[in-house]
């Protein structure tokens, strides 16, 4: 869809459109990012103190992100499954990474239990950044393979697949290791 198409549908001129954004793809990214920001804010609000409850909340948010993608599959599908909209795929990857980094800063979400030596010559901040980046790529990678499935797609099935493929350190620091297909992942 072009800027002219969008402006006409909004009953505004192209100049007005360009006063608010520089391209249709930027407008789309901003709209999707705002929706993802709301999910992140909801997840981080009144976060429980207990590690297992934090893990449940975080994973419930992953389910909500998958639901968000399914509801907007006409946008995300081509972006994730082809090269037709690489900006959307990059935005999703970046947002997941930023969300994990924010959760690490604000609520102490940890991928490292501190019991072992860091796996490379680094400090905890660099490890946290590497973990968030790896998490984001794994999340989007699993989404790319899971999204084209035929028929009904249950986001909890995505979560089970994600957790099966995730490394052992995935959100186990300070939490019991109950398989998440055995716990309720609804937000409170």
C-alpha atoms as a PDB file:
ATOM      1  CA  UNK A   1       0.000   0.000   0.000  1.00  0.00           C
ATOM      2  CA  UNK A   2       1.379   3.389  -0.941  1.00  0.00           C
ATOM      3  CA  UNK A   3       1.378   6.636   1.016  1.00  0.00           C
ATOM      4  CA  UNK A   4      -1.173   7.983  -1.476  1.00  0.00           C
ATOM      5  CA  UNK A   5      -3.469   4.995  -0.775  1.00  0.00           C
ATOM      6  CA  UNK A   6      -3.159   5.428   2.987  1.00  0.00           C
ATOM      7  CA  UNK A   7      -3.726   9.166   2.829  1.00  0.00           C
ATOM      8  CA  UNK A   8      -6.822   8.702   0.666  1.00  0.00           C
ATOM      9  CA  UNK A   9      -8.255   6.070   3.037  1.00  0.00           C
ATOM     10  CA  UNK A  10      -7.649   8.413   5.975  1.00  0.00           C
ATOM     11  CA  UNK A  11      -9.141  11.356   4.076  1.00  0.00           C
ATOM     12  CA  UNK A  12      -5.959  13.380   4.403  1.00  0.00           C
ATOM     13  CA  UNK A  13      -3.463  14.703   1.896  1.00  0.00           C
ATOM     14  CA  UNK A  14      -0.100  13.084   1.208  1.00  0.00           C
ATOM     15  CA  UNK A  15       1.658  16.072   2.748  1.00  0.00           C
ATOM     16  CA  UNK A  16      -0.241  15.536   5.998  1.00  0.00           C
ATOM     17  CA  UNK A  17       0.685  11.844   5.924  1.00  0.00           C
ATOM     18  CA  UNK A  18       4.371  12.709   5.519  1.00  0.00           C
ATOM     19  CA  UNK A  19       4.238  15.267   8.351  1.00  0.00           C
ATOM     20  CA  UNK A  20       3.517  12.333  10.700  1.00  0.00           C
ATOM     21  CA  UNK A  21       5.706   9.601   9.252  1.00  0.00           C
ATOM     22  CA  UNK A  22       8.252   9.159   6.514  1.00  0.00           C
ATOM     23  CA  UNK A  23       6.837   6.025   4.868  1.00  0.00           C
ATOM     24  CA  UNK A  24       4.032   3.460   4.972  1.00  0.00           C
ATOM     25  CA  UNK A  25       6.454   0.852   6.305  1.00  0.00           C
ATOM     26  CA  UNK A  26       7.514   3.182   9.133  1.00  0.00           C
ATOM     27  CA  UNK A  27       3.854   3.774  10.035  1.00  0.00           C
ATOM     28  CA  UNK A  28       3.261   0.009  10.101  1.00  0.00           C
ATOM     29  CA  UNK A  29       6.321  -0.573  12.286  1.00  0.00           C
ATOM     30  CA  UNK A  30       5.206   2.167  14.683  1.00  0.00           C
ATOM     31  CA  UNK A  31       1.679   0.714  14.949  1.00  0.00           C
ATOM     32  CA  UNK A  32       2.932  -2.833  15.552  1.00  0.00           C
ATOM     33  CA  UNK A  33       5.572  -1.616  17.991  1.00  0.00           C
ATOM     34  CA  UNK A  34       2.918   0.275  19.995  1.00  0.00           C
ATOM     35  CA  UNK A  35       0.879  -2.920  20.337  1.00  0.00           C
ATOM     36  CA  UNK A  36       3.956  -4.901  21.398  1.00  0.00           C
ATOM     37  CA  UNK A  37       4.920  -2.135  23.845  1.00  0.00           C
ATOM     38  CA  UNK A  38       1.498  -2.484  25.486  1.00  0.00           C
ATOM     39  CA  UNK A  39       2.033  -6.243  25.913  1.00  0.00           C
ATOM     40  CA  UNK A  40       5.460  -5.631  27.449  1.00  0.00           C
ATOM     41  CA  UNK A  41       4.103  -2.972  29.818  1.00  0.00           C
ATOM     42  CA  UNK A  42       1.315  -5.297  30.924  1.00  0.00           C
ATOM     43  CA  UNK A  43       3.824  -8.069  31.586  1.00  0.00           C
ATOM     44  CA  UNK A  44       6.185  -5.893  33.630  1.00  0.00           C
ATOM     45  CA  UNK A  45       3.461  -4.186  35.665  1.00  0.00           C
ATOM     46  CA  UNK A  46       3.187  -5.529  39.228  1.00  0.00           C
ATOM     47  CA  UNK A  47       5.633  -8.321  38.505  1.00  0.00           C
ATOM     48  CA  UNK A  48       5.604 -11.024  41.198  1.00  0.00           C
ATOM     49  CA  UNK A  49       8.716 -11.365  43.366  1.00  0.00           C
ATOM     50  CA  UNK A  50       8.905 -15.153  43.281  1.00  0.00           C
ATOM     51  CA  UNK A  51      11.080 -16.455  40.414  1.00  0.00           C
ATOM     52  CA  UNK A  52       8.681 -19.155  39.233  1.00  0.00           C
ATOM     53  CA  UNK A  53       5.791 -16.666  39.078  1.00  0.00           C
ATOM     54  CA  UNK A  54       7.978 -14.258  37.122  1.00  0.00           C
ATOM     55  CA  UNK A  55       8.784 -17.052  34.697  1.00  0.00           C
ATOM     56  CA  UNK A  56       5.081 -17.833  34.274  1.00  0.00           C
ATOM     57  CA  UNK A  57       4.312 -14.159  33.612  1.00  0.00           C
ATOM     58  CA  UNK A  58       7.116 -13.875  31.092  1.00  0.00           C
ATOM     59  CA  UNK A  59       5.984 -16.970  29.233  1.00  0.00           C
ATOM     60  CA  UNK A  60       2.350 -15.865  29.303  1.00  0.00           C
ATOM     61  CA  UNK A  61       3.564 -12.750  27.545  1.00  0.00           C
ATOM     62  CA  UNK A  62       5.268 -14.887  24.900  1.00  0.00           C
ATOM     63  CA  UNK A  63       1.889 -16.535  24.274  1.00  0.00           C
ATOM     64  CA  UNK A  64       0.305 -13.090  23.912  1.00  0.00           C
ATOM     65  CA  UNK A  65       2.989 -12.045  21.409  1.00  0.00           C
ATOM     66  CA  UNK A  66       2.305 -15.192  19.377  1.00  0.00           C
ATOM     67  CA  UNK A  67      -1.436 -14.391  19.488  1.00  0.00           C
ATOM     68  CA  UNK A  68      -0.590 -10.855  18.296  1.00  0.00           C
ATOM     69  CA  UNK A  69       1.360 -12.307  15.348  1.00  0.00           C
ATOM     70  CA  UNK A  70      -1.425 -14.773  14.450  1.00  0.00           C
ATOM     71  CA  UNK A  71      -4.062 -11.997  14.545  1.00  0.00           C
ATOM     72  CA  UNK A  72      -1.894  -9.972  12.145  1.00  0.00           C
ATOM     73  CA  UNK A  73      -0.682 -12.869  10.044  1.00  0.00           C
ATOM     74  CA  UNK A  74      -1.381 -10.976   6.819  1.00  0.00           C
ATOM     75  CA  UNK A  75       1.382  -8.587   7.916  1.00  0.00           C
ATOM     76  CA  UNK A  76       3.780 -10.850   9.787  1.00  0.00           C
ATOM     77  CA  UNK A  77       3.464 -13.921   7.552  1.00  0.00           C
ATOM     78  CA  UNK A  78       5.039 -12.374   4.450  1.00  0.00           C
ATOM     79  CA  UNK A  79       7.586 -10.526   6.589  1.00  0.00           C
ATOM     80  CA  UNK A  80       8.747 -13.642   8.423  1.00  0.00           C
ATOM     81  CA  UNK A  81       8.355 -16.230   5.680  1.00  0.00           C
ATOM     82  CA  UNK A  82       9.653 -14.262   2.694  1.00  0.00           C
ATOM     83  CA  UNK A  83      11.808 -11.229   2.118  1.00  0.00           C
ATOM     84  CA  UNK A  84       8.804  -9.070   1.220  1.00  0.00           C
ATOM     85  CA  UNK A  85       8.843  -6.954   4.390  1.00  0.00           C
ATOM     86  CA  UNK A  86      12.197  -7.351   6.150  1.00  0.00           C
ATOM     87  CA  UNK A  87      11.556  -4.249   8.264  1.00  0.00           C
ATOM     88  CA  UNK A  88       8.676  -5.951  10.099  1.00  0.00           C
ATOM     89  CA  UNK A  89      10.775  -9.030  10.844  1.00  0.00           C
ATOM     90  CA  UNK A  90      13.643  -6.858  12.045  1.00  0.00           C
ATOM     91  CA  UNK A  91      11.259  -4.800  14.191  1.00  0.00           C
ATOM     92  CA  UNK A  92       9.866  -7.964  15.854  1.00  0.00           C
ATOM     93  CA  UNK A  93      13.344  -9.359  16.476  1.00  0.00           C
ATOM     94  CA  UNK A  94      14.506  -6.049  17.940  1.00  0.00           C
ATOM     95  CA  UNK A  95      11.421  -5.662  20.092  1.00  0.00           C
ATOM     96  CA  UNK A  96      11.774  -9.136  21.598  1.00  0.00           C
ATOM     97  CA  UNK A  97      15.446  -8.435  22.343  1.00  0.00           C
ATOM     98  CA  UNK A  98      14.637  -5.024  23.878  1.00  0.00           C
ATOM     99  CA  UNK A  99      11.857  -6.592  25.968  1.00  0.00           C
ATOM    100  CA  UNK A 100      14.180  -9.231  27.391  1.00  0.00           C
ATOM    101  CA  UNK A 101      16.818  -6.592  28.155  1.00  0.00           C
ATOM    102  CA  UNK A 102      14.208  -4.415  29.882  1.00  0.00           C
ATOM    103  CA  UNK A 103      12.944  -7.393  31.906  1.00  0.00           C
ATOM    104  CA  UNK A 104      16.508  -8.136  32.983  1.00  0.00           C
ATOM    105  CA  UNK A 105      17.008  -4.525  34.120  1.00  0.00           C
ATOM    106  CA  UNK A 106      13.634  -3.861  35.725  1.00  0.00           C
ATOM    107  CA  UNK A 107      12.633  -7.146  37.308  1.00  0.00           C
ATOM    108  CA  UNK A 108      15.880  -9.053  37.527  1.00  0.00           C
ATOM    109  CA  UNK A 109      14.988 -11.629  34.894  1.00  0.00           C
ATOM    110  CA  UNK A 110      18.085 -13.759  34.685  1.00  0.00           C
ATOM    111  CA  UNK A 111      19.423 -16.334  32.281  1.00  0.00           C
ATOM    112  CA  UNK A 112      22.544 -16.925  34.333  1.00  0.00           C
ATOM    113  CA  UNK A 113      22.411 -18.532  37.741  1.00  0.00           C
ATOM    114  CA  UNK A 114      25.850 -17.250  38.750  1.00  0.00           C
ATOM    115  CA  UNK A 115      26.977 -20.728  39.764  1.00  0.00           C
ATOM    116  CA  UNK A 116      29.158 -21.231  36.747  1.00  0.00           C
ATOM    117  CA  UNK A 117      31.931 -19.270  35.136  1.00  0.00           C
ATOM    118  CA  UNK A 118      30.663 -17.171  32.270  1.00  0.00           C
ATOM    119  CA  UNK A 119      31.168 -19.058  29.021  1.00  0.00           C
ATOM    120  CA  UNK A 120      33.506 -16.434  27.572  1.00  0.00           C
ATOM    121  CA  UNK A 121      35.704 -13.613  28.784  1.00  0.00           C
ATOM    122  CA  UNK A 122      32.902 -11.231  29.644  1.00  0.00           C
ATOM    123  CA  UNK A 123      31.026  -9.510  32.391  1.00  0.00           C
ATOM    124  CA  UNK A 124      27.439 -10.173  33.452  1.00  0.00           C
ATOM    125  CA  UNK A 125      26.098  -7.258  31.346  1.00  0.00           C
ATOM    126  CA  UNK A 126      27.613  -8.614  28.135  1.00  0.00           C
ATOM    127  CA  UNK A 127      26.312 -12.057  28.993  1.00  0.00           C
ATOM    128  CA  UNK A 128      22.825 -10.600  29.575  1.00  0.00           C
ATOM    129  CA  UNK A 129      22.953  -8.849  26.197  1.00  0.00           C
ATOM    130  CA  UNK A 130      24.109 -12.013  24.446  1.00  0.00           C
ATOM    131  CA  UNK A 131      21.367 -14.035  26.163  1.00  0.00           C
ATOM    132  CA  UNK A 132      18.681 -11.522  25.150  1.00  0.00           C
ATOM    133  CA  UNK A 133      19.898 -11.530  21.556  1.00  0.00           C
ATOM    134  CA  UNK A 134      20.009 -15.331  21.435  1.00  0.00           C
ATOM    135  CA  UNK A 135      16.558 -15.522  22.973  1.00  0.00           C
ATOM    136  CA  UNK A 136      15.145 -13.108  20.356  1.00  0.00           C
ATOM    137  CA  UNK A 137      16.622 -15.060  17.453  1.00  0.00           C
ATOM    138  CA  UNK A 138      15.351 -18.353  18.881  1.00  0.00           C
ATOM    139  CA  UNK A 139      11.865 -16.899  19.426  1.00  0.00           C
ATOM    140  CA  UNK A 140      11.610 -15.503  15.883  1.00  0.00           C
ATOM    141  CA  UNK A 141      13.216 -18.619  14.398  1.00  0.00           C
ATOM    142  CA  UNK A 142      10.697 -20.918  16.071  1.00  0.00           C
ATOM    143  CA  UNK A 143       7.917 -18.565  14.983  1.00  0.00           C
ATOM    144  CA  UNK A 144       9.101 -18.770  11.356  1.00  0.00           C
ATOM    145  CA  UNK A 145       8.949 -22.573  11.421  1.00  0.00           C
ATOM    146  CA  UNK A 146       5.705 -22.758  13.415  1.00  0.00           C
ATOM    147  CA  UNK A 147       3.637 -20.049  11.692  1.00  0.00           C
ATOM    148  CA  UNK A 148       3.046 -21.830   8.332  1.00  0.00           C
ATOM    149  CA  UNK A 149       1.294 -24.788  10.032  1.00  0.00           C
ATOM    150  CA  UNK A 150      -2.068 -25.642   8.552  1.00  0.00           C
ATOM    151  CA  UNK A 151      -5.259 -25.437  10.597  1.00  0.00           C
ATOM    152  CA  UNK A 152      -5.713 -24.146  14.126  1.00  0.00           C
ATOM    153  CA  UNK A 153      -2.516 -22.991  15.798  1.00  0.00           C
ATOM    154  CA  UNK A 154      -2.528 -22.964  19.567  1.00  0.00           C
ATOM    155  CA  UNK A 155       0.011 -20.460  20.930  1.00  0.00           C
ATOM    156  CA  UNK A 156       0.627 -22.835  23.841  1.00  0.00           C
ATOM    157  CA  UNK A 157       1.863 -25.393  21.279  1.00  0.00           C
ATOM    158  CA  UNK A 158       4.314 -22.740  20.108  1.00  0.00           C
ATOM    159  CA  UNK A 159       5.443 -22.253  23.714  1.00  0.00           C
ATOM    160  CA  UNK A 160       5.976 -25.995  24.169  1.00  0.00           C
ATOM    161  CA  UNK A 161       8.025 -26.139  20.960  1.00  0.00           C
ATOM    162  CA  UNK A 162      10.007 -23.073  22.003  1.00  0.00           C
ATOM    163  CA  UNK A 163      10.753 -24.548  25.435  1.00  0.00           C
ATOM    164  CA  UNK A 164      11.774 -27.859  23.896  1.00  0.00           C
ATOM    165  CA  UNK A 165      14.334 -26.088  21.713  1.00  0.00           C
ATOM    166  CA  UNK A 166      15.466 -23.520  24.283  1.00  0.00           C
ATOM    167  CA  UNK A 167      18.766 -24.097  26.067  1.00  0.00           C
ATOM    168  CA  UNK A 168      18.693 -25.487  29.583  1.00  0.00           C
ATOM    169  CA  UNK A 169      19.542 -22.078  31.044  1.00  0.00           C
ATOM    170  CA  UNK A 170      16.327 -20.560  29.669  1.00  0.00           C
ATOM    171  CA  UNK A 171      14.712 -18.906  32.683  1.00  0.00           C
ATOM    172  CA  UNK A 172      15.823 -21.545  35.149  1.00  0.00           C
ATOM    173  CA  UNK A 173      17.926 -19.319  37.376  1.00  0.00           C
ATOM    174  CA  UNK A 174      16.122 -19.069  40.676  1.00  0.00           C
ATOM    175  CA  UNK A 175      13.054 -20.986  39.486  1.00  0.00           C
ATOM    176  CA  UNK A 176      12.130 -24.607  39.633  1.00  0.00           C
ATOM    177  CA  UNK A 177      12.349 -26.438  36.342  1.00  0.00           C
ATOM    178  CA  UNK A 178       8.749 -27.615  36.055  1.00  0.00           C
ATOM    179  CA  UNK A 179       8.049 -28.130  32.344  1.00  0.00           C
ATOM    180  CA  UNK A 180       5.892 -25.284  31.210  1.00  0.00           C
ATOM    181  CA  UNK A 181       3.389 -27.523  29.490  1.00  0.00           C
ATOM    182  CA  UNK A 182       2.499 -28.569  33.034  1.00  0.00           C
ATOM    183  CA  UNK A 183       1.789 -25.060  34.334  1.00  0.00           C
ATOM    184  CA  UNK A 184      -0.874 -22.495  33.554  1.00  0.00           C
ATOM    185  CA  UNK A 185       0.662 -19.596  31.648  1.00  0.00           C
ATOM    186  CA  UNK A 186      -2.230 -17.133  31.817  1.00  0.00           C
ATOM    187  CA  UNK A 187      -1.471 -13.632  32.998  1.00  0.00           C
ATOM    188  CA  UNK A 188      -2.941 -12.840  36.383  1.00  0.00           C
END
